[in-house]
Amino acid sequence: MAASSRAQVLRLYRALLRESQRFSGYNYRTYAIRRIRDAFRENKNIKDSEKIEELVNKAKANLEVIHRQVSGEMFRSKKGMQDSSSLE
């Protein structure tokens, strides 16, 4: 793995852990952190660059999901739709 790939993976790992710390519920927070650590440990010896890129893309998608869940955007969009229909 090239140094830039390693640095990218480490940044992504830290970002996932940091974002998971923002879960308000203890059970969600500890599960997310444990799952992230386990997944990265499980895949730490992978050398195939295509597989690494696939896993990095999957982790980026998961980071976006965690971010939406933590920030509550999923629920705000539904609320906005209800508000607009109630104005008519």
PDB file of N, CA and C in Angstrom:
ATOM      1  N   MET A   1       0.854  -1.173   0.000  1.00  0.00           N
ATOM      2  CA  MET A   1       0.000   0.000   0.000  1.00  0.00           C
ATOM      3  C   MET A   1       0.898   1.234   0.000  1.00  0.00           C
ATOM      4  N   ALA A   2       0.628   2.164  -0.863  1.00  0.00           N
ATOM      5  CA  ALA A   2       1.414   3.399  -0.945  1.00  0.00           C
ATOM      6  C   ALA A   2       1.167   4.258   0.288  1.00  0.00           C
ATOM      7  N   ALA A   3       2.102   5.144   0.559  1.00  0.00           N
ATOM      8  CA  ALA A   3       1.994   6.001   1.743  1.00  0.00           C
ATOM      9  C   ALA A   3       0.738   6.860   1.695  1.00  0.00           C
ATOM     10  N   SER A   4       0.397   7.357   0.513  1.00  0.00           N
ATOM     11  CA  SER A   4      -0.805   8.189   0.417  1.00  0.00           C
ATOM     12  C   SER A   4      -2.060   7.372   0.705  1.00  0.00           C
ATOM     13  N   SER A   5      -2.093   6.129   0.248  1.00  0.00           N
ATOM     14  CA  SER A   5      -3.239   5.273   0.536  1.00  0.00           C
ATOM     15  C   SER A   5      -3.334   4.989   2.028  1.00  0.00           C
ATOM     16  N   ARG A   6      -2.188   4.732   2.636  1.00  0.00           N
ATOM     17  CA  ARG A   6      -2.171   4.486   4.080  1.00  0.00           C
ATOM     18  C   ARG A   6      -2.654   5.715   4.833  1.00  0.00           C
ATOM     19  N   ALA A   7      -2.175   6.884   4.440  1.00  0.00           N
ATOM     20  CA  ALA A   7      -2.594   8.123   5.097  1.00  0.00           C
ATOM     21  C   ALA A   7      -4.089   8.357   4.900  1.00  0.00           C
ATOM     22  N   GLN A   8      -4.571   8.072   3.691  1.00  0.00           N
ATOM     23  CA  GLN A   8      -6.000   8.238   3.400  1.00  0.00           C
ATOM     24  C   GLN A   8      -6.838   7.298   4.275  1.00  0.00           C
ATOM     25  N   VAL A   9      -6.404   6.057   4.397  1.00  0.00           N
ATOM     26  CA  VAL A   9      -7.132   5.079   5.203  1.00  0.00           C
ATOM     27  C   VAL A   9      -7.125   5.491   6.676  1.00  0.00           C
ATOM     28  N   LEU A  10      -5.996   5.962   7.170  1.00  0.00           N
ATOM     29  CA  LEU A  10      -5.927   6.397   8.567  1.00  0.00           C
ATOM     30  C   LEU A  10      -6.812   7.609   8.818  1.00  0.00           C
ATOM     31  N   ARG A  11      -6.841   8.559   7.877  1.00  0.00           N
ATOM     32  CA  ARG A  11      -7.729   9.724   8.023  1.00  0.00           C
ATOM     33  C   ARG A  11      -9.188   9.280   8.053  1.00  0.00           C
ATOM     34  N   LEU A  12      -9.519   8.346   7.200  1.00  0.00           N
ATOM     35  CA  LEU A  12     -10.884   7.839   7.141  1.00  0.00           C
ATOM     36  C   LEU A  12     -11.249   7.107   8.435  1.00  0.00           C
ATOM     37  N   TYR A  13     -10.330   6.315   8.942  1.00  0.00           N
ATOM     38  CA  TYR A  13     -10.530   5.598  10.207  1.00  0.00           C
ATOM     39  C   TYR A  13     -10.797   6.582  11.346  1.00  0.00           C
ATOM     40  N   ARG A  14      -9.954   7.606  11.441  1.00  0.00           N
ATOM     41  CA  ARG A  14     -10.129   8.612  12.496  1.00  0.00           C
ATOM     42  C   ARG A  14     -11.440   9.371  12.331  1.00  0.00           C
ATOM     43  N   ALA A  15     -11.797   9.693  11.090  1.00  0.00           N
ATOM     44  CA  ALA A  15     -13.050  10.409  10.840  1.00  0.00           C
ATOM     45  C   ALA A  15     -14.255   9.564  11.246  1.00  0.00           C
ATOM     46  N   LEU A  16     -14.221   8.271  10.935  1.00  0.00           N
ATOM     47  CA  LEU A  16     -15.312   7.380  11.331  1.00  0.00           C
ATOM     48  C   LEU A  16     -15.439   7.299  12.847  1.00  0.00           C
ATOM     49  N   LEU A  17     -14.305   7.153  13.534  1.00  0.00           N
ATOM     50  CA  LEU A  17     -14.346   7.092  14.994  1.00  0.00           C
ATOM     51  C   LEU A  17     -14.832   8.411  15.591  1.00  0.00           C
ATOM     52  N   ARG A  18     -14.340   9.513  15.050  1.00  0.00           N
ATOM     53  CA  ARG A  18     -14.722  10.835  15.556  1.00  0.00           C
ATOM     54  C   ARG A  18     -16.217  11.076  15.367  1.00  0.00           C
ATOM     55  N   GLU A  19     -16.722  10.744  14.197  1.00  0.00           N
ATOM     56  CA  GLU A  19     -18.142  10.954  13.917  1.00  0.00           C
ATOM     57  C   GLU A  19     -19.010  10.031  14.770  1.00  0.00           C
ATOM     58  N   SER A  20     -18.543   8.816  15.014  1.00  0.00           N
ATOM     59  CA  SER A  20     -19.297   7.862  15.837  1.00  0.00           C
ATOM     60  C   SER A  20     -19.388   8.310  17.286  1.00  0.00           C
ATOM     61  N   GLN A  21     -18.421   9.083  17.727  1.00  0.00           N
ATOM     62  CA  GLN A  21     -18.452   9.606  19.104  1.00  0.00           C
ATOM     63  C   GLN A  21     -19.636  10.556  19.314  1.00  0.00           C
ATOM     64  N   ARG A  22     -20.205  11.050  18.236  1.00  0.00           N
ATOM     65  CA  ARG A  22     -21.295  12.014  18.329  1.00  0.00           C
ATOM     66  C   ARG A  22     -22.670  11.373  18.518  1.00  0.00           C
ATOM     67  N   PHE A  23     -22.763  10.025  18.423  1.00  0.00           N
ATOM     68  CA  PHE A  23     -24.045   9.372  18.695  1.00  0.00           C
ATOM     69  C   PHE A  23     -24.443   9.667  20.130  1.00  0.00           C
ATOM     70  N   SER A  24     -25.685  10.069  20.325  1.00  0.00           N
ATOM     71  CA  SER A  24     -26.127  10.394  21.684  1.00  0.00           C
ATOM     72  C   SER A  24     -26.371   9.138  22.522  1.00  0.00           C
ATOM     73  N   GLY A  25     -26.850   8.077  21.904  1.00  0.00           N
ATOM     74  CA  GLY A  25     -27.130   6.845  22.623  1.00  0.00           C
ATOM     75  C   GLY A  25     -25.872   6.026  22.866  1.00  0.00           C
ATOM     76  N   TYR A  26     -25.689   5.609  24.102  1.00  0.00           N
ATOM     77  CA  TYR A  26     -24.501   4.847  24.480  1.00  0.00           C
ATOM     78  C   TYR A  26     -24.366   3.572  23.658  1.00  0.00           C
ATOM     79  N   ASN A  27     -25.459   2.829  23.500  1.00  0.00           N
ATOM     80  CA  ASN A  27     -25.406   1.559  22.770  1.00  0.00           C
ATOM     81  C   ASN A  27     -25.047   1.753  21.298  1.00  0.00           C
ATOM     82  N   TYR A  28     -25.632   2.757  20.652  1.00  0.00           N
ATOM     83  CA  TYR A  28     -25.295   3.051  19.255  1.00  0.00           C
ATOM     84  C   TYR A  28     -23.828   3.441  19.127  1.00  0.00           C
ATOM     85  N   ARG A  29     -23.391   4.309  20.053  1.00  0.00           N
ATOM     86  CA  ARG A  29     -22.015   4.807  20.013  1.00  0.00           C
ATOM     87  C   ARG A  29     -21.008   3.678  20.184  1.00  0.00           C
ATOM     88  N   THR A  30     -21.184   2.847  21.202  1.00  0.00           N
ATOM     89  CA  THR A  30     -20.217   1.776  21.450  1.00  0.00           C
ATOM     90  C   THR A  30     -20.255   0.713  20.349  1.00  0.00           C
ATOM     91  N   TYR A  31     -21.450   0.432  19.822  1.00  0.00           N
ATOM     92  CA  TYR A  31     -21.539  -0.540  18.724  1.00  0.00           C
ATOM     93  C   TYR A  31     -20.805  -0.024  17.495  1.00  0.00           C
ATOM     94  N   ALA A  32     -21.039   1.233  17.137  1.00  0.00           N
ATOM     95  CA  ALA A  32     -20.408   1.811  15.947  1.00  0.00           C
ATOM     96  C   ALA A  32     -18.890   1.805  16.086  1.00  0.00           C
ATOM     97  N   ILE A  33     -18.404   2.217  17.233  1.00  0.00           N
ATOM     98  CA  ILE A  33     -16.950   2.264  17.450  1.00  0.00           C
ATOM     99  C   ILE A  33     -16.355   0.864  17.394  1.00  0.00           C
ATOM    100  N   ARG A  34     -17.002  -0.092  18.042  1.00  0.00           N
ATOM    101  CA  ARG A  34     -16.507  -1.471  18.031  1.00  0.00           C
ATOM    102  C   ARG A  34     -16.517  -2.041  16.616  1.00  0.00           C
ATOM    103  N   ARG A  35     -17.580  -1.770  15.875  1.00  0.00           N
ATOM    104  CA  ARG A  35     -17.695  -2.295  14.505  1.00  0.00           C
ATOM    105  C   ARG A  35     -16.638  -1.693  13.584  1.00  0.00           C
ATOM    106  N   ILE A  36     -16.373  -0.413  13.735  1.00  0.00           N
ATOM    107  CA  ILE A  36     -15.343   0.254  12.923  1.00  0.00           C
ATOM    108  C   ILE A  36     -13.978  -0.349  13.219  1.00  0.00           C
ATOM    109  N   ARG A  37     -13.651  -0.460  14.497  1.00  0.00           N
ATOM    110  CA  ARG A  37     -12.342  -1.018  14.878  1.00  0.00           C
ATOM    111  C   ARG A  37     -12.191  -2.453  14.382  1.00  0.00           C
ATOM    112  N   ASP A  38     -13.222  -3.256  14.555  1.00  0.00           N
ATOM    113  CA  ASP A  38     -13.156  -4.653  14.108  1.00  0.00           C
ATOM    114  C   ASP A  38     -12.978  -4.758  12.598  1.00  0.00           C
ATOM    115  N   ALA A  39     -13.709  -3.930  11.851  1.00  0.00           N
ATOM    116  CA  ALA A  39     -13.627  -3.984  10.389  1.00  0.00           C
ATOM    117  C   ALA A  39     -12.236  -3.576   9.898  1.00  0.00           C
ATOM    118  N   PHE A  40     -11.671  -2.537  10.500  1.00  0.00           N
ATOM    119  CA  PHE A  40     -10.340  -2.110  10.065  1.00  0.00           C
ATOM    120  C   PHE A  40      -9.275  -3.131  10.462  1.00  0.00           C
ATOM    121  N   ARG A  41      -9.404  -3.721  11.631  1.00  0.00           N
ATOM    122  CA  ARG A  41      -8.448  -4.765  12.036  1.00  0.00           C
ATOM    123  C   ARG A  41      -8.540  -5.979  11.122  1.00  0.00           C
ATOM    124  N   GLU A  42      -9.756  -6.348  10.769  1.00  0.00           N
ATOM    125  CA  GLU A  42      -9.988  -7.514   9.919  1.00  0.00           C
ATOM    126  C   GLU A  42      -9.350  -7.328   8.540  1.00  0.00           C
ATOM    127  N   ASN A  43      -9.325  -6.106   8.057  1.00  0.00           N
ATOM    128  CA  ASN A  43      -8.848  -5.834   6.704  1.00  0.00           C
ATOM    129  C   ASN A  43      -7.466  -5.200   6.646  1.00  0.00           C
ATOM    130  N   LYS A  44      -6.747  -5.182   7.748  1.00  0.00           N
ATOM    131  CA  LYS A  44      -5.468  -4.462   7.770  1.00  0.00           C
ATOM    132  C   LYS A  44      -4.374  -5.123   6.940  1.00  0.00           C
ATOM    133  N   ASN A  45      -4.484  -6.398   6.642  1.00  0.00           N
ATOM    134  CA  ASN A  45      -3.434  -7.096   5.894  1.00  0.00           C
ATOM    135  C   ASN A  45      -3.730  -7.236   4.403  1.00  0.00           C
ATOM    136  N   ILE A  46      -4.748  -6.580   3.929  1.00  0.00           N
ATOM    137  CA  ILE A  46      -5.097  -6.658   2.506  1.00  0.00           C
ATOM    138  C   ILE A  46      -4.093  -5.846   1.698  1.00  0.00           C
ATOM    139  N   LYS A  47      -3.561  -6.455   0.652  1.00  0.00           N
ATOM    140  CA  LYS A  47      -2.542  -5.817  -0.194  1.00  0.00           C
ATOM    141  C   LYS A  47      -3.073  -5.420  -1.571  1.00  0.00           C
ATOM    142  N   ASP A  48      -4.155  -6.039  -2.003  1.00  0.00           N
ATOM    143  CA  ASP A  48      -4.716  -5.784  -3.326  1.00  0.00           C
ATOM    144  C   ASP A  48      -5.275  -4.357  -3.396  1.00  0.00           C
ATOM    145  N   SER A  49      -4.731  -3.542  -4.285  1.00  0.00           N
ATOM    146  CA  SER A  49      -5.114  -2.126  -4.351  1.00  0.00           C
ATOM    147  C   SER A  49      -6.573  -1.942  -4.757  1.00  0.00           C
ATOM    148  N   GLU A  50      -7.097  -2.822  -5.608  1.00  0.00           N
ATOM    149  CA  GLU A  50      -8.505  -2.719  -5.995  1.00  0.00           C
ATOM    150  C   GLU A  50      -9.419  -2.997  -4.814  1.00  0.00           C
ATOM    151  N   LYS A  51      -9.076  -4.011  -4.034  1.00  0.00           N
ATOM    152  CA  LYS A  51      -9.876  -4.351  -2.859  1.00  0.00           C
ATOM    153  C   LYS A  51      -9.800  -3.227  -1.830  1.00  0.00           C
ATOM    154  N   ILE A  52      -8.612  -2.644  -1.660  1.00  0.00           N
ATOM    155  CA  ILE A  52      -8.450  -1.529  -0.719  1.00  0.00           C
ATOM    156  C   ILE A  52      -9.321  -0.357  -1.154  1.00  0.00           C
ATOM    157  N   GLU A  53      -9.306  -0.049  -2.456  1.00  0.00           N
ATOM    158  CA  GLU A  53     -10.118   1.062  -2.955  1.00  0.00           C
ATOM    159  C   GLU A  53     -11.598   0.788  -2.748  1.00  0.00           C
ATOM    160  N   GLU A  54     -12.017  -0.446  -2.967  1.00  0.00           N
ATOM    161  CA  GLU A  54     -13.411  -0.830  -2.745  1.00  0.00           C
ATOM    162  C   GLU A  54     -13.803  -0.634  -1.276  1.00  0.00           C
ATOM    163  N   LEU A  55     -12.930  -1.064  -0.375  1.00  0.00           N
ATOM    164  CA  LEU A  55     -13.209  -0.922   1.056  1.00  0.00           C
ATOM    165  C   LEU A  55     -13.208   0.550   1.490  1.00  0.00           C
ATOM    166  N   VAL A  56     -12.309   1.339   0.915  1.00  0.00           N
ATOM    167  CA  VAL A  56     -12.269   2.777   1.227  1.00  0.00           C
ATOM    168  C   VAL A  56     -13.557   3.446   0.771  1.00  0.00           C
ATOM    169  N   ASN A  57     -14.033   3.119  -0.414  1.00  0.00           N
ATOM    170  CA  ASN A  57     -15.289   3.698  -0.904  1.00  0.00           C
ATOM    171  C   ASN A  57     -16.469   3.291  -0.024  1.00  0.00           C
ATOM    172  N   LYS A  58     -16.483   2.046   0.414  1.00  0.00           N
ATOM    173  CA  LYS A  58     -17.537   1.572   1.312  1.00  0.00           C
ATOM    174  C   LYS A  58     -17.487   2.321   2.641  1.00  0.00           C
ATOM    175  N   ALA A  59     -16.280   2.533   3.158  1.00  0.00           N
ATOM    176  CA  ALA A  59     -16.119   3.257   4.417  1.00  0.00           C
ATOM    177  C   ALA A  59     -16.553   4.713   4.274  1.00  0.00           C
ATOM    178  N   LYS A  60     -16.265   5.325   3.128  1.00  0.00           N
ATOM    179  CA  LYS A  60     -16.705   6.710   2.889  1.00  0.00           C
ATOM    180  C   LYS A  60     -18.225   6.793   2.875  1.00  0.00           C
ATOM    181  N   ALA A  61     -18.865   5.827   2.250  1.00  0.00           N
ATOM    182  CA  ALA A  61     -20.325   5.801   2.222  1.00  0.00           C
ATOM    183  C   ALA A  61     -20.876   5.638   3.636  1.00  0.00           C
ATOM    184  N   ASN A  62     -20.233   4.769   4.430  1.00  0.00           N
ATOM    185  CA  ASN A  62     -20.663   4.575   5.814  1.00  0.00           C
ATOM    186  C   ASN A  62     -20.458   5.837   6.641  1.00  0.00           C
ATOM    187  N   LEU A  63     -19.387   6.565   6.368  1.00  0.00           N
ATOM    188  CA  LEU A  63     -19.147   7.828   7.072  1.00  0.00           C
ATOM    189  C   LEU A  63     -20.263   8.821   6.774  1.00  0.00           C
ATOM    190  N   GLU A  64     -20.692   8.890   5.530  1.00  0.00           N
ATOM    191  CA  GLU A  64     -21.799   9.783   5.176  1.00  0.00           C
ATOM    192  C   GLU A  64     -23.087   9.384   5.889  1.00  0.00           C
ATOM    193  N   VAL A  65     -23.331   8.082   5.976  1.00  0.00           N
ATOM    194  CA  VAL A  65     -24.534   7.596   6.671  1.00  0.00           C
ATOM    195  C   VAL A  65     -24.471   7.966   8.149  1.00  0.00           C
ATOM    196  N   ILE A  66     -23.331   7.740   8.770  1.00  0.00           N
ATOM    197  CA  ILE A  66     -23.169   8.080  10.188  1.00  0.00           C
ATOM    198  C   ILE A  66     -23.369   9.573  10.386  1.00  0.00           C
ATOM    199  N   HIS A  67     -22.779  10.360   9.504  1.00  0.00           N
ATOM    200  CA  HIS A  67     -22.911  11.817   9.619  1.00  0.00           C
ATOM    201  C   HIS A  67     -24.374  12.243   9.533  1.00  0.00           C
ATOM    202  N   ARG A  68     -25.128  11.674   8.588  1.00  0.00           N
ATOM    203  CA  ARG A  68     -26.549  12.009   8.462  1.00  0.00           C
ATOM    204  C   ARG A  68     -27.327  11.582   9.699  1.00  0.00           C
ATOM    205  N   GLN A  69     -27.006  10.416  10.238  1.00  0.00           N
ATOM    206  CA  GLN A  69     -27.722   9.933  11.413  1.00  0.00           C
ATOM    207  C   GLN A  69     -27.438  10.804  12.624  1.00  0.00           C
ATOM    208  N   VAL A  70     -26.197  11.182  12.780  1.00  0.00           N
ATOM    209  CA  VAL A  70     -25.809  11.983  13.936  1.00  0.00           C
ATOM    210  C   VAL A  70     -26.379  13.392  13.850  1.00  0.00           C
ATOM    211  N   SER A  71     -26.344  13.964  12.662  1.00  0.00           N
ATOM    212  CA  SER A  71     -26.807  15.348  12.513  1.00  0.00           C
ATOM    213  C   SER A  71     -28.324  15.446  12.361  1.00  0.00           C
ATOM    214  N   GLY A  72     -28.984  14.324  12.158  1.00  0.00           N
ATOM    215  CA  GLY A  72     -30.441  14.318  12.086  1.00  0.00           C
ATOM    216  C   GLY A  72     -31.006  14.786  10.767  1.00  0.00           C
ATOM    217  N   GLU A  73     -30.195  14.829   9.720  1.00  0.00           N
ATOM    218  CA  GLU A  73     -30.675  15.294   8.420  1.00  0.00           C
ATOM    219  C   GLU A  73     -31.761  14.397   7.855  1.00  0.00           C
ATOM    220  N   MET A  74     -31.713  13.121   8.173  1.00  0.00           N
ATOM    221  CA  MET A  74     -32.718  12.196   7.644  1.00  0.00           C
ATOM    222  C   MET A  74     -34.113  12.610   8.095  1.00  0.00           C
ATOM    223  N   PHE A  75     -34.208  13.077   9.328  1.00  0.00           N
ATOM    224  CA  PHE A  75     -35.510  13.419   9.871  1.00  0.00           C
ATOM    225  C   PHE A  75     -35.922  14.834   9.475  1.00  0.00           C
ATOM    226  N   ARG A  76     -34.964  15.714   9.301  1.00  0.00           N
ATOM    227  CA  ARG A  76     -35.285  17.083   8.901  1.00  0.00           C
ATOM    228  C   ARG A  76     -35.917  17.113   7.516  1.00  0.00           C
ATOM    229  N   SER A  77     -35.430  16.289   6.602  1.00  0.00           N
ATOM    230  CA  SER A  77     -35.997  16.303   5.252  1.00  0.00           C
ATOM    231  C   SER A  77     -37.450  15.827   5.269  1.00  0.00           C
ATOM    232  N   LYS A  78     -37.774  14.846   6.087  1.00  0.00           N
ATOM    233  CA  LYS A  78     -39.157  14.384   6.184  1.00  0.00           C
ATOM    234  C   LYS A  78     -40.035  15.471   6.791  1.00  0.00           C
ATOM    235  N   LYS A  79     -39.527  16.143   7.810  1.00  0.00           N
ATOM    236  CA  LYS A  79     -40.285  17.192   8.456  1.00  0.00           C
ATOM    237  C   LYS A  79     -40.548  18.326   7.477  1.00  0.00           C
ATOM    238  N   GLY A  80     -39.544  18.667   6.676  1.00  0.00           N
ATOM    239  CA  GLY A  80     -39.701  19.726   5.695  1.00  0.00           C
ATOM    240  C   GLY A  80     -40.783  19.405   4.682  1.00  0.00           C
ATOM    241  N   MET A  81     -40.884  18.154   4.289  1.00  0.00           N
ATOM    242  CA  MET A  81     -41.905  17.755   3.332  1.00  0.00           C
ATOM    243  C   MET A  81     -43.290  17.880   3.965  1.00  0.00           C
ATOM    244  N   GLN A  82     -43.417  17.527   5.210  1.00  0.00           N
ATOM    245  CA  GLN A  82     -44.702  17.633   5.893  1.00  0.00           C
ATOM    246  C   GLN A  82     -45.102  19.102   6.053  1.00  0.00           C
ATOM    247  N   ASP A  83     -44.124  19.938   6.378  1.00  0.00           N
ATOM    248  CA  ASP A  83     -44.417  21.357   6.566  1.00  0.00           C
ATOM    249  C   ASP A  83     -44.916  21.993   5.281  1.00  0.00           C
ATOM    250  N   SER A  84     -44.298  21.649   4.152  1.00  0.00           N
ATOM    251  CA  SER A  84     -44.692  22.257   2.884  1.00  0.00           C
ATOM    252  C   SER A  84     -46.103  21.822   2.461  1.00  0.00           C
ATOM    253  N   SER A  85     -46.479  20.583   2.769  1.00  0.00           N
ATOM    254  CA  SER A  85     -47.810  20.121   2.386  1.00  0.00           C
ATOM    255  C   SER A  85     -48.882  20.711   3.298  1.00  0.00           C
ATOM    256  N   SER A  86     -48.527  21.038   4.534  1.00  0.00           N
ATOM    257  CA  SER A  86     -49.505  21.589   5.448  1.00  0.00           C
ATOM    258  C   SER A  86     -49.786  23.063   5.156  1.00  0.00           C
ATOM    259  N   LEU A  87     -48.933  23.707   4.355  1.00  0.00           N
ATOM    260  CA  LEU A  87     -49.126  25.114   4.023  1.00  0.00           C
ATOM    261  C   LEU A  87     -50.156  25.304   2.916  1.00  0.00           C
ATOM    262  N   GLU A  88     -50.429  24.269   2.186  1.00  0.00           N
ATOM    263  CA  GLU A  88     -51.361  24.381   1.047  1.00  0.00           C
ATOM    264  C   GLU A  88     -52.790  24.410   1.488  1.00  0.00           C
TER     265      GLU A  88
END
